Amino acid sequence: MKTTLNIPKELIDEAMKTAKKKTKTETIITALKEYIRQRRLDEIIREAGKLDFSDDWERLRHER
């Protein structure tokens, strides 16, 4: 999909150098994937300790 974006040249140049990518497209794709990965990790960390596991997991495992 083709999209026009107004990204400061200095920012895209730094991102390309940091990501070691040769094209702007590769750089943007890498940055978006990393952003999504980081947000998912943040959500997992935020939910840590909120899940309640029952003590009968051993019994349930053997019922299959």
N, C-alpha and C. Protein backbone atom coordinates (compact mmCIF):
# COMPACT_ATOMS: atom_id res chain seq x y z
N MET A 1 0.85 -1.16 0.00
CA MET A 1 0.00 0.00 0.00
C MET A 1 0.91 1.23 0.00
N LYS A 2 0.62 2.12 -0.86
CA LYS A 2 1.42 3.34 -0.96
C LYS A 2 0.81 4.42 -0.08
N THR A 3 1.66 5.08 0.72
CA THR A 3 1.21 6.13 1.63
C THR A 3 2.24 7.26 1.62
N THR A 4 1.75 8.47 1.68
CA THR A 4 2.63 9.63 1.78
C THR A 4 2.71 10.07 3.23
N LEU A 5 3.93 10.20 3.73
CA LEU A 5 4.14 10.62 5.11
C LEU A 5 5.12 11.79 5.15
N ASN A 6 4.92 12.68 6.08
CA ASN A 6 5.85 13.79 6.30
C ASN A 6 6.66 13.49 7.55
N ILE A 7 7.83 12.88 7.34
CA ILE A 7 8.71 12.49 8.44
C ILE A 7 9.97 13.34 8.31
N PRO A 8 10.40 13.96 9.40
CA PRO A 8 11.63 14.76 9.33
C PRO A 8 12.81 13.93 8.82
N LYS A 9 13.56 14.50 7.89
CA LYS A 9 14.69 13.80 7.28
C LYS A 9 15.68 13.30 8.32
N GLU A 10 15.98 14.12 9.31
CA GLU A 10 16.95 13.73 10.34
C GLU A 10 16.47 12.49 11.09
N LEU A 11 15.17 12.42 11.34
CA LEU A 11 14.61 11.29 12.08
C LEU A 11 14.70 10.01 11.26
N ILE A 12 14.32 10.08 10.00
CA ILE A 12 14.37 8.88 9.16
C ILE A 12 15.82 8.46 8.92
N ASP A 13 16.73 9.42 8.77
CA ASP A 13 18.15 9.09 8.58
C ASP A 13 18.71 8.38 9.81
N GLU A 14 18.37 8.89 10.99
CA GLU A 14 18.84 8.26 12.23
C GLU A 14 18.24 6.86 12.39
N ALA A 15 16.96 6.73 12.07
CA ALA A 15 16.30 5.41 12.17
C ALA A 15 16.95 4.41 11.20
N MET A 16 17.24 4.85 9.98
CA MET A 16 17.87 3.96 9.00
C MET A 16 19.25 3.52 9.47
N LYS A 17 20.00 4.46 10.05
CA LYS A 17 21.33 4.13 10.54
C LYS A 17 21.24 3.16 11.73
N THR A 18 20.34 3.46 12.65
CA THR A 18 20.19 2.63 13.85
C THR A 18 19.71 1.22 13.51
N ALA A 19 18.74 1.13 12.59
CA ALA A 19 18.17 -0.16 12.21
C ALA A 19 19.03 -0.89 11.19
N LYS A 20 20.04 -0.19 10.65
CA LYS A 20 20.92 -0.76 9.62
C LYS A 20 20.12 -1.23 8.41
N LYS A 21 19.19 -0.39 7.99
CA LYS A 21 18.36 -0.68 6.82
C LYS A 21 18.78 0.23 5.68
N LYS A 22 18.62 -0.27 4.45
CA LYS A 22 19.05 0.49 3.28
C LYS A 22 17.96 1.38 2.70
N THR A 23 16.70 1.03 2.98
CA THR A 23 15.60 1.81 2.41
C THR A 23 14.71 2.38 3.51
N LYS A 24 14.00 3.42 3.15
CA LYS A 24 13.05 4.03 4.08
C LYS A 24 11.92 3.05 4.38
N THR A 25 11.48 2.33 3.37
CA THR A 25 10.39 1.36 3.56
C THR A 25 10.78 0.29 4.57
N GLU A 26 11.96 -0.29 4.42
CA GLU A 26 12.44 -1.30 5.37
C GLU A 26 12.52 -0.71 6.78
N THR A 27 12.97 0.50 6.86
CA THR A 27 13.12 1.17 8.15
C THR A 27 11.77 1.37 8.83
N ILE A 28 10.79 1.86 8.09
CA ILE A 28 9.46 2.10 8.65
C ILE A 28 8.81 0.79 9.06
N ILE A 29 8.94 -0.24 8.24
CA ILE A 29 8.36 -1.55 8.58
C ILE A 29 9.00 -2.08 9.86
N THR A 30 10.31 -2.00 9.96
CA THR A 30 11.02 -2.45 11.16
C THR A 30 10.57 -1.66 12.38
N ALA A 31 10.45 -0.36 12.23
CA ALA A 31 10.04 0.49 13.36
C ALA A 31 8.62 0.17 13.81
N LEU A 32 7.72 -0.03 12.87
CA LEU A 32 6.34 -0.34 13.23
C LEU A 32 6.24 -1.71 13.91
N LYS A 33 6.96 -2.69 13.40
CA LYS A 33 6.95 -4.02 14.03
C LYS A 33 7.50 -3.94 15.45
N GLU A 34 8.57 -3.19 15.64
CA GLU A 34 9.16 -3.04 16.97
C GLU A 34 8.21 -2.31 17.91
N TYR A 35 7.53 -1.30 17.41
CA TYR A 35 6.57 -0.56 18.22
C TYR A 35 5.44 -1.49 18.68
N ILE A 36 4.91 -2.28 17.76
CA ILE A 36 3.83 -3.22 18.10
C ILE A 36 4.32 -4.25 19.10
N ARG A 37 5.52 -4.79 18.88
CA ARG A 37 6.08 -5.78 19.80
C ARG A 37 6.23 -5.20 21.20
N GLN A 38 6.72 -3.98 21.27
CA GLN A 38 6.93 -3.33 22.57
C GLN A 38 5.61 -3.07 23.28
N ARG A 39 4.60 -2.64 22.56
CA ARG A 39 3.28 -2.39 23.17
C ARG A 39 2.68 -3.69 23.69
N ARG A 40 2.85 -4.78 22.95
CA ARG A 40 2.34 -6.09 23.40
C ARG A 40 3.06 -6.53 24.67
N LEU A 41 4.37 -6.33 24.70
CA LEU A 41 5.14 -6.67 25.91
C LEU A 41 4.69 -5.83 27.09
N ASP A 42 4.46 -4.54 26.86
CA ASP A 42 3.98 -3.67 27.93
C ASP A 42 2.65 -4.18 28.49
N GLU A 43 1.78 -4.64 27.61
CA GLU A 43 0.47 -5.17 28.03
C GLU A 43 0.64 -6.45 28.85
N ILE A 44 1.54 -7.32 28.41
CA ILE A 44 1.80 -8.56 29.15
C ILE A 44 2.36 -8.23 30.53
N ILE A 45 3.29 -7.31 30.60
CA ILE A 45 3.88 -6.92 31.88
C ILE A 45 2.83 -6.30 32.79
N ARG A 46 1.96 -5.48 32.22
CA ARG A 46 0.90 -4.83 33.00
C ARG A 46 -0.07 -5.87 33.58
N GLU A 47 -0.29 -6.96 32.85
CA GLU A 47 -1.22 -8.00 33.30
C GLU A 47 -0.55 -9.04 34.20
N ALA A 48 0.76 -8.98 34.32
CA ALA A 48 1.49 -9.96 35.14
C ALA A 48 0.94 -9.96 36.56
N GLY A 49 0.71 -11.14 37.07
CA GLY A 49 0.23 -11.28 38.44
C GLY A 49 -1.28 -11.16 38.58
N LYS A 50 -1.97 -10.87 37.50
CA LYS A 50 -3.42 -10.70 37.57
C LYS A 50 -4.17 -11.98 37.19
N LEU A 51 -3.46 -12.94 36.65
CA LEU A 51 -4.10 -14.20 36.28
C LEU A 51 -4.15 -15.11 37.50
N ASP A 52 -5.26 -15.80 37.66
CA ASP A 52 -5.44 -16.70 38.79
C ASP A 52 -5.47 -18.13 38.29
N PHE A 53 -4.49 -18.92 38.70
CA PHE A 53 -4.42 -20.32 38.31
C PHE A 53 -4.93 -21.18 39.47
N SER A 54 -5.74 -22.16 39.15
CA SER A 54 -6.27 -23.02 40.20
C SER A 54 -5.23 -24.07 40.58
N ASP A 55 -5.38 -24.60 41.77
CA ASP A 55 -4.43 -25.59 42.28
C ASP A 55 -4.70 -26.99 41.74
N ASP A 56 -5.80 -27.17 41.01
CA ASP A 56 -6.13 -28.51 40.54
C ASP A 56 -5.64 -28.76 39.12
N TRP A 57 -4.64 -28.05 38.67
CA TRP A 57 -4.13 -28.22 37.31
C TRP A 57 -3.58 -29.62 37.08
N GLU A 58 -2.97 -30.20 38.10
CA GLU A 58 -2.41 -31.56 37.97
C GLU A 58 -3.53 -32.57 37.73
N ARG A 59 -4.62 -32.46 38.45
CA ARG A 59 -5.77 -33.35 38.27
C ARG A 59 -6.36 -33.16 36.87
N LEU A 60 -6.52 -31.94 36.46
CA LEU A 60 -7.12 -31.66 35.16
C LEU A 60 -6.22 -32.17 34.02
N ARG A 61 -4.95 -32.11 34.21
CA ARG A 61 -4.00 -32.56 33.19
C ARG A 61 -4.16 -34.06 32.94
N HIS A 62 -4.44 -34.83 34.00
CA HIS A 62 -4.54 -36.28 33.88
C HIS A 62 -5.94 -36.74 33.45
N GLU A 63 -6.90 -35.87 33.42
CA GLU A 63 -8.26 -36.25 33.03
C GLU A 63 -8.41 -36.36 31.52
N ARG A 64 -7.49 -35.88 30.77
CA ARG A 64 -7.60 -35.93 29.31
C ARG A 64 -7.50 -37.31 28.75
